[in-house]
Protein backbone atom coordinates (compact mmCIF):
# COMPACT_ATOMS: atom_id res chain seq x y z
CA UNK A 1 85.18 -17.32 -150.12
CA UNK A 2 83.16 -14.58 -148.47
CA UNK A 3 79.96 -16.01 -149.94
CA UNK A 4 80.43 -19.41 -148.33
CA UNK A 5 81.26 -17.76 -145.01
CA UNK A 6 77.95 -15.88 -145.13
CA UNK A 7 76.09 -19.08 -145.99
CA UNK A 8 77.76 -20.95 -143.14
CA UNK A 9 76.88 -18.11 -140.78
CA UNK A 10 73.25 -18.22 -141.91
CA UNK A 11 73.18 -22.00 -141.38
CA UNK A 12 74.60 -21.64 -137.86
CA UNK A 13 72.01 -18.98 -137.01
CA UNK A 14 69.26 -21.22 -138.35
CA UNK A 15 70.56 -24.14 -136.28
CA UNK A 16 70.60 -21.98 -133.16
CA UNK A 17 67.07 -20.73 -133.84
CA UNK A 18 65.96 -24.29 -134.42
CA UNK A 19 67.46 -25.45 -131.13
CA UNK A 20 65.61 -22.69 -129.26
CA UNK A 21 62.30 -23.08 -131.06
CA UNK A 22 62.14 -26.88 -130.85
CA UNK A 23 61.51 -26.64 -127.16
CA UNK A 24 59.05 -23.76 -127.40
CA UNK A 25 57.17 -24.02 -130.70
CA UNK A 26 57.80 -27.29 -132.55
CA UNK A 27 55.26 -26.35 -135.25
CA UNK A 28 57.28 -23.29 -136.29
CA UNK A 29 60.60 -25.12 -136.07
CA UNK A 30 59.51 -27.45 -138.87
CA UNK A 31 59.68 -24.55 -141.32
CA UNK A 32 63.15 -23.33 -140.34
CA UNK A 33 65.06 -26.22 -141.92
CA UNK A 34 63.52 -25.90 -145.40
CA UNK A 35 63.81 -22.10 -145.26
CA UNK A 36 67.47 -22.23 -144.22
CA UNK A 37 68.13 -24.84 -146.89
CA UNK A 38 66.52 -22.62 -149.52
CA UNK A 39 68.71 -19.69 -148.47
CA UNK A 40 71.88 -21.78 -148.64
CA UNK A 41 70.93 -23.29 -152.00
CA UNK A 42 70.06 -19.89 -153.43
CA UNK A 43 73.53 -18.76 -152.42
CA UNK A 44 75.28 -21.57 -154.30
CA UNK A 45 73.10 -21.58 -157.43
CA UNK A 46 75.50 -19.38 -159.41
CA UNK A 47 78.20 -22.00 -158.84
CA UNK A 48 75.89 -24.79 -159.95
CA UNK A 49 75.09 -22.84 -163.10
CA UNK A 50 78.82 -22.60 -163.87
CA UNK A 51 79.22 -26.36 -163.42
CA UNK A 52 76.27 -27.12 -165.70
CA UNK A 53 77.59 -24.74 -168.36
CA UNK A 54 81.04 -26.28 -168.18
CA UNK A 55 79.72 -29.85 -168.50
CA UNK A 56 77.49 -28.87 -171.44
CA UNK A 57 80.31 -27.05 -173.26
CA UNK A 58 82.80 -29.85 -172.65
CA UNK A 59 80.35 -32.54 -173.76
CA UNK A 60 79.56 -30.64 -176.97
CA UNK A 61 83.28 -30.36 -177.79
CA UNK A 62 83.82 -34.06 -177.23
CA UNK A 63 80.51 -35.14 -178.77
CA UNK A 64 78.92 -36.85 -175.76
CA UNK A 65 75.95 -34.58 -175.13
CA UNK A 66 73.59 -37.51 -174.48
CA UNK A 67 75.82 -38.82 -171.71
CA UNK A 68 76.30 -35.39 -170.20
CA UNK A 69 72.57 -34.74 -170.21
CA UNK A 70 71.90 -37.95 -168.29
CA UNK A 71 74.76 -37.17 -165.91
CA UNK A 72 73.35 -33.72 -165.13
CA UNK A 73 69.82 -35.04 -164.67
CA UNK A 74 71.06 -37.86 -162.41
CA UNK A 75 73.06 -35.39 -160.33
CA UNK A 76 70.00 -33.15 -160.03
CA UNK A 77 67.81 -36.09 -158.99
CA UNK A 78 70.39 -37.19 -156.42
CA UNK A 79 70.61 -33.69 -154.95
CA UNK A 80 66.83 -33.26 -154.87
CA UNK A 81 66.20 -36.61 -153.19
CA UNK A 82 69.00 -35.98 -150.68
CA UNK A 83 67.60 -32.57 -149.73
CA UNK A 84 64.07 -33.93 -149.48
CA UNK A 85 65.19 -36.89 -147.34
CA UNK A 86 67.11 -34.57 -145.01
CA UNK A 87 64.04 -32.37 -144.56
CA UNK A 88 61.95 -35.46 -143.80
CA UNK A 89 64.53 -36.66 -141.25
CA UNK A 90 64.75 -33.28 -139.55
CA UNK A 91 60.96 -33.43 -139.18
CA UNK A 92 61.24 -36.84 -137.54
CA UNK A 93 59.92 -38.77 -140.56
CA UNK A 94 62.62 -41.40 -141.05
CA UNK A 95 60.44 -43.79 -143.05
CA UNK A 96 59.35 -41.05 -145.47
CA UNK A 97 63.03 -40.13 -145.94
CA UNK A 98 63.88 -43.75 -146.74
CA UNK A 99 61.11 -43.97 -149.32
CA UNK A 100 62.26 -40.72 -150.95
CA UNK A 101 65.81 -42.07 -151.19
CA UNK A 102 64.59 -45.36 -152.67
CA UNK A 103 62.45 -43.51 -155.22
CA UNK A 104 65.43 -41.38 -156.21
CA UNK A 105 67.64 -44.43 -156.70
CA UNK A 106 65.01 -46.14 -158.83
CA UNK A 107 64.52 -42.99 -160.92
CA UNK A 108 68.27 -42.68 -161.54
CA UNK A 109 68.41 -46.36 -162.53
CA UNK A 110 65.53 -45.86 -164.97
CA UNK A 111 67.29 -42.80 -166.36
CA UNK A 112 70.43 -44.85 -167.00
CA UNK A 113 68.74 -47.89 -168.61
CA UNK A 114 69.45 -46.80 -172.21
CA UNK A 115 73.16 -46.60 -171.39
CA UNK A 116 73.16 -49.95 -169.61
CA UNK A 117 71.56 -51.44 -172.71
CA UNK A 118 74.18 -49.75 -174.90
CA UNK A 119 77.00 -51.17 -172.77
CA UNK A 120 75.50 -54.66 -172.97
CA UNK A 121 75.18 -54.40 -176.76
CA UNK A 122 78.78 -53.20 -177.04
CA UNK A 123 79.97 -56.04 -174.81
CA UNK A 124 78.10 -58.61 -176.88
CA UNK A 125 79.56 -57.11 -180.05
CA UNK A 126 83.09 -57.37 -178.67
CA UNK A 127 82.51 -60.96 -177.60
CA UNK A 128 81.13 -61.85 -181.06
CA UNK A 129 77.59 -62.53 -179.86
């Protein structure tokens, strides 16, 4: 609990610094958001590692490692595109953010194509086709 409180405090300080610097030095303010984001993400990485380890262990016990691997990669892609889009938006680049989000969605869809094909094959098999 203390860790998240420190991260929230750091984010509030970064937001305050950003509010002050936007009016004075916009060029420097562009670097505050990614830097603050990196600090917050670095603070939660141990938790992410625990989640990844849990999903891997559970999927090995159940025998669905292929599905778990795709799930973890899709979650990583979603997080990365979300972070990147937010940085673009905070820099005033709405269209770049939209393209990043679209690219992330397409990449996740491509990543899931083998499973979509597997579901279609299973459905056809159940229907006798």
